[in-house]
Amino acid sequence: MKLINIIVPDRQLHDVNRILREADVGGMSYHRIEGRSKAKATEFIPKYKIEVVVRDDQVEDLMSRIVDRVGGDINTGGKIFVVDVTAAVDLPTKKRGEAAI
């Protein structure tokens, strides 16, 4: 399993949500954050950090969908980070591993 962290500008939150639904990804969490680029900008820009846990075999397709639909605009910024998830538990059902996602 992988945790995908997607950081996008405010206006792209709903686009990413739509992409995740189309890809049949289960749950999604998002947080409002502020950040700045590595350029010399000193001002923090409002963004959203979207978190989703997926099966390993979903990662490449999902990243491609996101890059194709919301990537490519140098003025919007954004990043995707992928992190290994070693365990998951769905508390209501007590399911573990991929069954929990």
Protein backbone atom coordinates (compact mmCIF):
# COMPACT_ATOMS: atom_id res chain seq x y z
CA MET A 1 0.00 0.00 0.00
CA LYS A 2 1.04 3.59 -0.62
CA LEU A 3 0.09 6.93 0.88
CA ILE A 4 -0.15 9.54 -1.84
CA ASN A 5 0.16 13.15 -0.71
CA ILE A 6 -1.06 15.58 -3.35
CA ILE A 7 -0.47 19.30 -2.81
CA VAL A 8 -2.48 21.57 -5.09
CA PRO A 9 -3.78 25.15 -5.21
CA ASP A 10 -7.25 25.82 -3.84
CA ARG A 11 -8.91 25.82 -7.24
CA GLN A 12 -7.74 22.27 -8.05
CA LEU A 13 -9.16 20.46 -5.00
CA HIS A 14 -12.40 19.50 -6.74
CA ASP A 15 -10.54 18.44 -9.89
CA VAL A 16 -8.39 16.03 -7.89
CA ASN A 17 -11.45 14.76 -6.01
CA ARG A 18 -13.13 14.01 -9.36
CA ILE A 19 -10.01 12.20 -10.59
CA LEU A 20 -9.90 10.04 -7.46
CA ARG A 21 -13.60 9.14 -7.83
CA GLU A 22 -13.14 8.26 -11.51
CA ALA A 23 -10.20 6.02 -10.52
CA ASP A 24 -12.46 4.28 -7.96
CA VAL A 25 -10.25 5.32 -5.05
CA GLY A 26 -11.96 4.90 -1.67
CA GLY A 27 -11.54 7.51 1.06
CA MET A 28 -9.76 10.81 0.80
CA SER A 29 -8.69 13.38 3.39
CA TYR A 30 -7.63 16.93 2.78
CA HIS A 31 -6.15 19.71 4.86
CA ARG A 32 -5.80 23.40 4.15
CA ILE A 33 -2.14 24.33 4.29
CA GLU A 34 0.11 27.20 3.31
CA GLY A 35 3.47 26.89 1.66
CA ARG A 36 6.01 28.56 -0.55
CA SER A 37 8.05 27.37 -3.46
CA LYS A 38 11.79 26.91 -3.54
CA ALA A 39 12.00 30.14 -5.54
CA LYS A 40 12.83 33.28 -3.63
CA ALA A 41 9.18 33.88 -2.73
CA THR A 42 8.73 34.86 0.88
CA GLU A 43 4.95 34.87 0.77
CA PHE A 44 3.02 31.76 1.80
CA ILE A 45 0.37 30.59 -0.66
CA PRO A 46 -2.83 28.78 0.42
CA LYS A 47 -3.02 25.21 -0.87
CA TYR A 48 -4.65 21.88 -0.08
CA LYS A 49 -2.85 18.71 0.95
CA ILE A 50 -4.85 15.67 -0.15
CA GLU A 51 -4.06 12.28 1.37
CA VAL A 52 -5.19 8.96 -0.03
CA VAL A 53 -4.04 5.38 0.60
CA VAL A 54 -4.12 3.06 -2.41
CA ARG A 55 -2.91 -0.36 -3.51
CA ASP A 56 0.57 -0.45 -5.03
CA ASP A 57 -0.84 -1.28 -8.47
CA GLN A 58 -2.93 1.94 -8.51
CA VAL A 59 -0.10 4.41 -7.96
CA GLU A 60 1.25 4.96 -11.49
CA ASP A 61 -2.18 5.25 -13.10
CA LEU A 62 -3.37 7.67 -10.44
CA MET A 63 -0.28 9.86 -10.68
CA SER A 64 -0.60 9.95 -14.48
CA ARG A 65 -4.26 10.97 -14.28
CA ILE A 66 -3.46 13.78 -11.86
CA VAL A 67 -0.47 15.05 -13.84
CA ASP A 68 -2.42 14.92 -17.12
CA ARG A 69 -5.43 16.82 -15.74
CA VAL A 70 -3.98 19.36 -13.29
CA GLY A 71 -0.26 19.41 -14.07
CA GLY A 72 1.66 21.51 -16.54
CA ASP A 73 0.81 25.03 -15.37
CA ILE A 74 3.97 26.56 -13.97
CA ASN A 75 1.91 29.26 -12.22
CA THR A 76 -0.14 26.88 -10.06
CA GLY A 77 2.55 24.86 -8.33
CA GLY A 78 1.87 21.58 -6.59
CA LYS A 79 3.54 18.27 -5.83
CA ILE A 80 2.83 14.56 -5.46
CA PHE A 81 4.68 12.47 -2.87
CA VAL A 82 4.33 8.70 -2.49
CA VAL A 83 5.14 6.97 0.80
CA ASP A 84 5.06 3.28 1.78
CA VAL A 85 2.29 2.24 4.17
CA THR A 86 3.23 -0.82 6.19
CA ALA A 87 -0.10 -1.38 7.94
CA ALA A 88 -3.69 -0.19 7.92
CA VAL A 89 -6.72 -0.99 10.08
CA ASP A 90 -10.33 0.01 9.46
CA LEU A 91 -11.56 0.57 13.01
CA PRO A 92 -15.31 -0.06 12.49
CA THR A 93 -14.83 -3.38 10.62
CA LYS A 94 -11.44 -4.37 12.10
CA LYS A 95 -10.24 -5.21 8.57
CA ARG A 96 -6.48 -5.03 8.09
CA GLY A 97 -4.10 -4.37 5.22
CA GLU A 98 -5.53 -3.71 1.75
CA ALA A 99 -8.97 -4.84 2.96
CA ALA A 100 -8.97 -1.77 5.23
CA ILE A 101 -8.67 0.64 2.32
